[in-house]
């Protein structure tokens, strides 16, 4: 059996007034205790990242705190637009390190989109920012979570993966964003990254429709007939195991969890509402289509509990575990 290679991970600790810094450090310490051949660099202001005194020297040897200085001191729960560029600088350092090969994967703590925009920088989310930084036209947001034996009758542990065709768009803008080329490219990206990053040789993919009852043969909308179905057929022609369009309310039937590797939803809440209902707090966001590996928590900055020691690091820990596994998969496939 091949020995798992050494993996260097980097964490962008996110909005300084939120739970990101405390979750980043707590999850890093837990993960390093689990995984002996991982190193973690946490990016953030030194005042936000205070290592407990009882941490063993063996863990400290594999943890690096790389200081990025705040523009102004921060108060937990109190957003300050002066620190918006600090948050983006964390991302820039992590992205540059991954592109240069210094890090094998990056994990992002939550940030506050609104305060970045208030500070004068147009910002719609991590996914779009990463795409622009990596000079990639089309990336895909996918949420992942492990499901245990017995959950909804599962006979074996499975991973629930839900990819989104559109991300942070007003609902009224979704239909016009759905083109045949965009849907086909999304299916191709999901298929390719499931093979290359997740080491799934022959992925099985389901695609949702847009309208109730998947359009009801055109009576409730024609997007399924004119746009979605043709894209699925083109993907099938390439040898991709993809089916649909399924009505959004029946696509996630429990029996399909045994064999479907990824579900593709047409818009944000269509995919994330059922995902978070069954996985809340344990999901991981992965950006597909990038030349680097990036995972993230599936929750926000939780300003109301920041600095109170109440935040659950579960999602950040799962993000570290998945980033590590994807990096191992990549290293082994290249060896």
Protein backbone atom coordinates (compact mmCIF):
# COMPACT_ATOMS: atom_id res chain seq x y z
CA UNK A 1 0.00 0.00 0.00
CA UNK A 2 1.29 3.46 -0.90
CA UNK A 3 2.10 5.65 2.09
CA UNK A 4 0.08 8.88 2.18
CA UNK A 5 2.33 11.79 1.15
CA UNK A 6 3.05 14.89 3.21
CA UNK A 7 0.39 17.55 2.61
CA UNK A 8 0.73 21.30 3.21
CA UNK A 9 -2.58 23.05 3.85
CA UNK A 10 -3.29 26.76 4.26
CA UNK A 11 -6.27 28.33 6.03
CA UNK A 12 -7.59 31.80 5.25
CA UNK A 13 -9.11 32.76 8.63
CA UNK A 14 -11.83 34.99 7.15
CA UNK A 15 -13.76 37.90 8.63
CA UNK A 16 -11.85 38.99 11.75
CA UNK A 17 -15.01 40.01 13.64
CA UNK A 18 -16.63 36.62 13.02
CA UNK A 19 -16.01 33.06 14.17
CA UNK A 20 -13.49 32.30 11.42
CA UNK A 21 -10.26 32.86 13.37
CA UNK A 22 -11.32 30.79 16.39
CA UNK A 23 -12.69 27.98 14.21
CA UNK A 24 -9.57 27.98 12.04
CA UNK A 25 -7.27 27.45 14.98
CA UNK A 26 -9.49 24.94 16.82
CA UNK A 27 -10.04 22.80 13.71
CA UNK A 28 -6.35 22.98 12.74
CA UNK A 29 -5.26 21.68 16.14
CA UNK A 30 -7.81 18.85 16.05
CA UNK A 31 -6.89 17.84 12.52
CA UNK A 32 -3.14 17.85 13.17
CA UNK A 33 -3.81 15.52 16.09
CA UNK A 34 -5.67 13.21 13.69
CA UNK A 35 -3.27 13.38 10.77
CA UNK A 36 0.46 13.03 11.38
CA UNK A 37 1.61 13.79 7.83
CA UNK A 38 -0.10 17.16 7.43
CA UNK A 39 1.28 20.66 7.96
CA UNK A 40 -1.09 23.63 8.34
CA UNK A 41 -0.41 27.34 7.87
CA UNK A 42 -3.08 29.65 9.31
CA UNK A 43 -3.18 33.17 7.86
CA UNK A 44 -4.40 35.99 10.09
CA UNK A 45 -3.58 38.71 12.56
CA UNK A 46 -1.59 37.46 15.55
CA UNK A 47 -4.09 39.01 17.99
CA UNK A 48 -6.82 36.70 16.65
CA UNK A 49 -4.86 33.45 16.75
CA UNK A 50 -3.84 32.61 20.30
CA UNK A 51 -2.56 29.04 20.62
CA UNK A 52 -3.53 27.30 23.90
CA UNK A 53 -0.60 26.62 26.23
CA UNK A 54 -1.27 22.89 26.55
CA UNK A 55 -0.68 22.06 22.86
CA UNK A 56 1.98 19.37 22.45
CA UNK A 57 5.32 20.22 20.78
CA UNK A 58 4.69 17.58 18.08
CA UNK A 59 1.55 19.46 16.99
CA UNK A 60 3.21 22.87 17.20
CA UNK A 61 5.98 21.63 14.92
CA UNK A 62 3.42 21.16 12.13
CA UNK A 63 1.42 24.35 12.71
CA UNK A 64 2.52 27.75 11.43
CA UNK A 65 0.76 31.02 12.13
CA UNK A 66 1.62 33.41 9.29
CA UNK A 67 0.76 36.96 10.39
CA UNK A 68 -1.32 39.23 8.17
CA UNK A 69 -1.82 42.53 9.97
CA UNK A 70 -5.27 44.04 10.48
CA UNK A 71 -5.85 47.60 9.28
CA UNK A 72 -7.60 48.39 12.58
CA UNK A 73 -8.16 46.42 15.81
CA UNK A 74 -11.33 44.37 15.70
CA UNK A 75 -14.14 43.72 18.18
CA UNK A 76 -15.93 40.34 17.98
CA UNK A 77 -19.26 40.79 16.25
CA UNK A 78 -18.52 44.35 15.13
CA UNK A 79 -17.91 44.62 11.37
CA UNK A 80 -15.39 47.24 10.27
CA UNK A 81 -15.05 48.14 6.56
CA UNK A 82 -11.47 49.24 7.23
CA UNK A 83 -10.56 45.54 7.48
CA UNK A 84 -12.20 44.49 4.21
CA UNK A 85 -8.91 44.58 2.30
CA UNK A 86 -7.32 42.50 5.06
CA UNK A 87 -9.82 39.73 4.35
CA UNK A 88 -9.10 39.83 0.62
CA UNK A 89 -5.35 39.86 1.31
CA UNK A 90 -5.73 36.60 3.23
CA UNK A 91 -7.28 35.06 0.13
CA UNK A 92 -4.64 36.50 -2.18
CA UNK A 93 -1.79 35.03 -0.11
CA UNK A 94 -3.47 31.61 0.04
CA UNK A 95 -4.24 31.56 -3.69
CA UNK A 96 -0.74 32.65 -4.66
CA UNK A 97 0.77 30.00 -2.39
CA UNK A 98 -1.35 27.26 -3.96
CA UNK A 99 -0.60 28.37 -7.52
CA UNK A 100 3.13 28.46 -6.73
CA UNK A 101 3.07 24.97 -5.18
CA UNK A 102 3.87 26.18 -1.67
CA UNK A 103 0.53 24.80 -0.46
CA UNK A 104 -1.32 21.71 -1.70
CA UNK A 105 -4.81 23.03 -0.85
CA UNK A 106 -6.52 26.03 0.70
CA UNK A 107 -9.38 26.10 3.20
CA UNK A 108 -11.40 29.29 3.67
CA UNK A 109 -13.19 30.43 6.81
CA UNK A 110 -16.36 32.50 6.33
CA UNK A 111 -16.23 36.15 5.33
CA UNK A 112 -18.87 38.88 5.24
CA UNK A 113 -19.71 39.80 1.64
CA UNK A 114 -21.68 42.87 2.65
CA UNK A 115 -18.84 44.63 4.47
CA UNK A 116 -16.46 44.10 1.53
CA UNK A 117 -18.98 45.77 -0.75
CA UNK A 118 -19.56 48.58 1.77
CA UNK A 119 -15.80 49.17 1.71
CA UNK A 120 -16.00 49.79 -2.03
CA UNK A 121 -14.88 46.47 -3.55
CA UNK A 122 -17.54 44.66 -5.64
CA UNK A 123 -17.65 41.13 -4.23
CA UNK A 124 -20.19 38.35 -4.77
CA UNK A 125 -18.41 35.48 -3.03
CA UNK A 126 -15.38 33.26 -2.60
CA UNK A 127 -16.25 31.18 -5.66
CA UNK A 128 -16.30 34.10 -8.07
CA UNK A 129 -13.20 35.70 -6.50
CA UNK A 130 -11.21 32.48 -6.85
CA UNK A 131 -12.25 32.09 -10.48
CA UNK A 132 -11.05 35.60 -11.33
CA UNK A 133 -7.81 35.18 -9.39
CA UNK A 134 -7.05 31.91 -11.16
CA UNK A 135 -8.15 33.32 -14.54
CA UNK A 136 -10.84 30.66 -15.00
CA UNK A 137 -14.07 31.56 -16.80
CA UNK A 138 -16.27 28.80 -15.39
CA UNK A 139 -16.07 27.25 -11.94
CA UNK A 140 -18.66 25.24 -10.04
CA UNK A 141 -19.71 25.45 -6.39
CA UNK A 142 -20.29 22.01 -4.88
CA UNK A 143 -21.30 21.12 -1.32
CA UNK A 144 -20.18 17.80 0.16
CA UNK A 145 -20.96 15.92 3.37
CA UNK A 146 -20.43 12.34 4.60
CA UNK A 147 -23.58 10.33 5.33
CA UNK A 148 -23.30 7.43 7.80
CA UNK A 149 -24.63 3.89 7.55
CA UNK A 150 -28.31 3.78 8.43
CA UNK A 151 -29.03 7.37 7.43
CA UNK A 152 -32.25 7.22 5.37
CA UNK A 153 -31.65 3.47 5.09
CA UNK A 154 -28.12 3.65 3.66
CA UNK A 155 -26.39 0.25 3.66
CA UNK A 156 -22.93 1.79 3.24
CA UNK A 157 -21.38 5.18 4.12
CA UNK A 158 -21.88 7.61 1.24
CA UNK A 159 -20.98 11.18 0.40
CA UNK A 160 -23.74 13.62 -0.53
CA UNK A 161 -22.50 16.06 -3.18
CA UNK A 162 -24.64 18.87 -4.56
CA UNK A 163 -23.28 21.16 -7.30
CA UNK A 164 -24.89 24.43 -8.36
CA UNK A 165 -25.40 25.63 -11.91
CA UNK A 166 -25.88 29.20 -10.74
CA UNK A 167 -24.73 30.56 -7.40
CA UNK A 168 -25.42 34.00 -5.93
CA UNK A 169 -28.06 35.24 -8.35
CA UNK A 170 -31.50 36.74 -7.67
CA UNK A 171 -34.10 34.13 -8.51
CA UNK A 172 -35.54 36.31 -11.28
CA UNK A 173 -32.18 36.19 -13.12
CA UNK A 174 -31.74 32.40 -13.04
CA UNK A 175 -33.71 31.44 -16.20
CA UNK A 176 -31.72 33.79 -18.44
CA UNK A 177 -28.45 32.45 -17.00
CA UNK A 178 -29.28 28.89 -18.04
CA UNK A 179 -27.81 28.30 -21.48
CA UNK A 180 -27.14 24.96 -23.11
CA UNK A 181 -23.39 25.63 -23.20
CA UNK A 182 -23.27 26.63 -19.53
CA UNK A 183 -25.18 23.53 -18.42
CA UNK A 184 -23.01 21.25 -20.56
CA UNK A 185 -19.80 22.83 -19.26
CA UNK A 186 -21.01 22.45 -15.67
CA UNK A 187 -21.74 18.75 -16.18
CA UNK A 188 -18.30 18.33 -17.77
CA UNK A 189 -16.53 20.12 -14.88
CA UNK A 190 -18.35 18.07 -12.24
CA UNK A 191 -17.60 14.84 -14.12
CA UNK A 192 -13.92 15.71 -14.64
CA UNK A 193 -13.25 16.80 -11.07
CA UNK A 194 -15.06 13.80 -9.59
CA UNK A 195 -12.63 11.69 -11.60
CA UNK A 196 -9.44 13.69 -11.06
CA UNK A 197 -9.88 15.15 -7.56
CA UNK A 198 -12.24 12.66 -5.92
CA UNK A 199 -10.80 9.55 -7.66
CA UNK A 200 -14.23 8.30 -8.81
CA UNK A 201 -13.56 6.47 -12.12
CA UNK A 202 -17.12 6.54 -13.53
CA UNK A 203 -19.20 9.21 -11.76
CA UNK A 204 -22.99 9.01 -11.78
CA UNK A 205 -24.64 12.46 -11.98
CA UNK A 206 -28.25 13.65 -11.69
CA UNK A 207 -29.43 17.04 -13.01
CA UNK A 208 -32.49 18.93 -11.77
CA UNK A 209 -35.01 20.80 -13.85
CA UNK A 210 -35.82 24.45 -13.27
CA UNK A 211 -39.61 24.50 -13.05
CA UNK A 212 -42.10 22.61 -10.85
CA UNK A 213 -42.50 19.02 -12.10
CA UNK A 214 -39.53 19.68 -14.42
CA UNK A 215 -41.80 21.81 -16.60
CA UNK A 216 -44.71 19.35 -16.83
CA UNK A 217 -43.99 18.63 -20.54
CA UNK A 218 -43.85 22.36 -21.28
CA UNK A 219 -47.01 23.42 -19.46
CA UNK A 220 -45.04 24.92 -16.55
CA UNK A 221 -42.08 26.21 -18.54
CA UNK A 222 -40.00 25.20 -21.53
CA UNK A 223 -36.45 25.48 -20.15
CA UNK A 224 -36.30 21.71 -19.60
CA UNK A 225 -37.26 20.99 -23.22
CA UNK A 226 -35.28 23.72 -24.96
CA UNK A 227 -32.15 24.09 -22.83
CA UNK A 228 -31.59 21.54 -20.04
CA UNK A 229 -32.45 18.26 -21.78
CA UNK A 230 -30.36 19.03 -24.91
CA UNK A 231 -27.33 19.77 -22.71
CA UNK A 232 -27.79 16.48 -20.85
CA UNK A 233 -28.01 14.58 -24.14
CA UNK A 234 -24.77 16.17 -25.37
CA UNK A 235 -23.06 15.13 -22.15
CA UNK A 236 -24.35 11.57 -22.56
CA UNK A 237 -22.90 11.56 -26.08
CA UNK A 238 -19.49 12.18 -24.50
CA UNK A 239 -19.91 9.07 -22.35
CA UNK A 240 -20.84 10.89 -19.13
CA UNK A 241 -23.29 8.98 -16.91
CA UNK A 242 -25.81 11.75 -16.39
CA UNK A 243 -29.61 11.71 -16.21
CA UNK A 244 -32.39 14.27 -15.87
CA UNK A 245 -33.92 16.74 -15.73
CA UNK A 246 -35.58 15.66 -12.48
CA UNK A 247 -38.22 17.67 -10.61
CA UNK A 248 -36.47 19.53 -7.83
CA UNK A 249 -38.76 18.00 -5.19
CA UNK A 250 -38.01 14.38 -6.15
CA UNK A 251 -34.40 14.47 -7.39
CA UNK A 252 -32.99 13.80 -3.91
CA UNK A 253 -34.88 10.55 -3.24
CA UNK A 254 -33.23 8.42 -0.57
CA UNK A 255 -32.72 5.35 -2.78
CA UNK A 256 -30.56 7.34 -5.19
CA UNK A 257 -28.01 8.08 -2.45
CA UNK A 258 -26.68 4.53 -2.85
CA UNK A 259 -25.39 5.15 -6.37
CA UNK A 260 -25.49 8.86 -7.34
CA UNK A 261 -22.11 10.58 -6.93
CA UNK A 262 -23.31 14.15 -7.47
CA UNK A 263 -26.54 16.09 -7.95
CA UNK A 264 -26.59 19.30 -10.01
CA UNK A 265 -29.18 21.91 -9.03
CA UNK A 266 -30.22 24.83 -11.21
CA UNK A 267 -30.02 27.49 -8.50
CA UNK A 268 -28.71 28.12 -5.00
CA UNK A 269 -31.63 27.25 -2.74
CA UNK A 270 -32.87 24.37 -4.89
CA UNK A 271 -29.66 22.52 -4.07
CA UNK A 272 -28.64 23.90 -0.70
CA UNK A 273 -32.00 23.73 1.08
CA UNK A 274 -32.18 19.91 0.99
CA UNK A 275 -28.42 19.62 1.49
CA UNK A 276 -28.35 21.71 4.64
CA UNK A 277 -31.50 20.13 6.00
CA UNK A 278 -29.69 16.80 6.35
CA UNK A 279 -26.10 18.00 6.90
CA UNK A 280 -26.25 21.36 8.68
CA UNK A 281 -22.95 22.15 10.36
CA UNK A 282 -21.09 19.26 8.72
CA UNK A 283 -21.02 20.30 5.08
CA UNK A 284 -18.05 21.42 3.04
CA UNK A 285 -17.98 23.79 0.07
CA UNK A 286 -15.62 22.78 -2.76
CA UNK A 287 -14.84 24.91 -5.81
CA UNK A 288 -14.61 22.72 -8.92
CA UNK A 289 -12.86 23.70 -12.14
CA UNK A 290 -9.92 25.48 -10.50
CA UNK A 291 -6.26 24.58 -11.03
CA UNK A 292 -5.97 24.47 -7.21
CA UNK A 293 -7.87 22.69 -4.42
CA UNK A 294 -10.16 24.86 -2.31
CA UNK A 295 -12.62 23.82 0.38
CA UNK A 296 -14.63 25.90 2.83
CA UNK A 297 -17.18 25.76 5.62
CA UNK A 298 -20.86 25.74 4.68
CA UNK A 299 -21.90 28.46 7.17
CA UNK A 300 -21.48 32.17 7.70
CA UNK A 301 -19.58 34.44 10.07
CA UNK A 302 -21.95 33.95 13.06
CA UNK A 303 -21.27 37.44 14.38
CA UNK A 304 -23.68 36.95 17.28
CA UNK A 305 -21.49 34.28 18.91
CA UNK A 306 -18.03 35.43 17.76
CA UNK A 307 -15.48 35.51 20.54
CA UNK A 308 -17.75 33.70 23.03
CA UNK A 309 -16.30 30.22 22.63
CA UNK A 310 -19.63 28.84 21.38
CA UNK A 311 -18.80 28.24 17.70
CA UNK A 312 -18.73 24.62 16.50
CA UNK A 313 -15.60 23.82 14.43
CA UNK A 314 -17.24 20.75 12.86
CA UNK A 315 -17.66 22.16 9.35
CA UNK A 316 -14.12 23.61 9.33
CA UNK A 317 -12.74 20.26 10.47
CA UNK A 318 -14.61 18.49 7.65
CA UNK A 319 -13.24 21.08 5.21
CA UNK A 320 -9.71 20.27 6.37
CA UNK A 321 -10.31 16.54 6.07
CA UNK A 322 -11.67 16.85 2.55
CA UNK A 323 -8.92 19.24 1.40
CA UNK A 324 -6.34 16.83 2.75
CA UNK A 325 -7.92 13.84 0.97
CA UNK A 326 -8.21 15.70 -2.34
CA UNK A 327 -4.56 16.75 -2.07
CA UNK A 328 -3.53 13.14 -1.34
CA UNK A 329 -5.56 11.94 -4.33
CA UNK A 330 -3.82 14.48 -6.57
CA UNK A 331 -0.35 13.58 -5.31
CA UNK A 332 -0.92 9.85 -5.72
CA UNK A 333 -2.37 10.25 -9.21
CA UNK A 334 0.70 12.26 -10.24
CA UNK A 335 3.20 9.81 -8.71
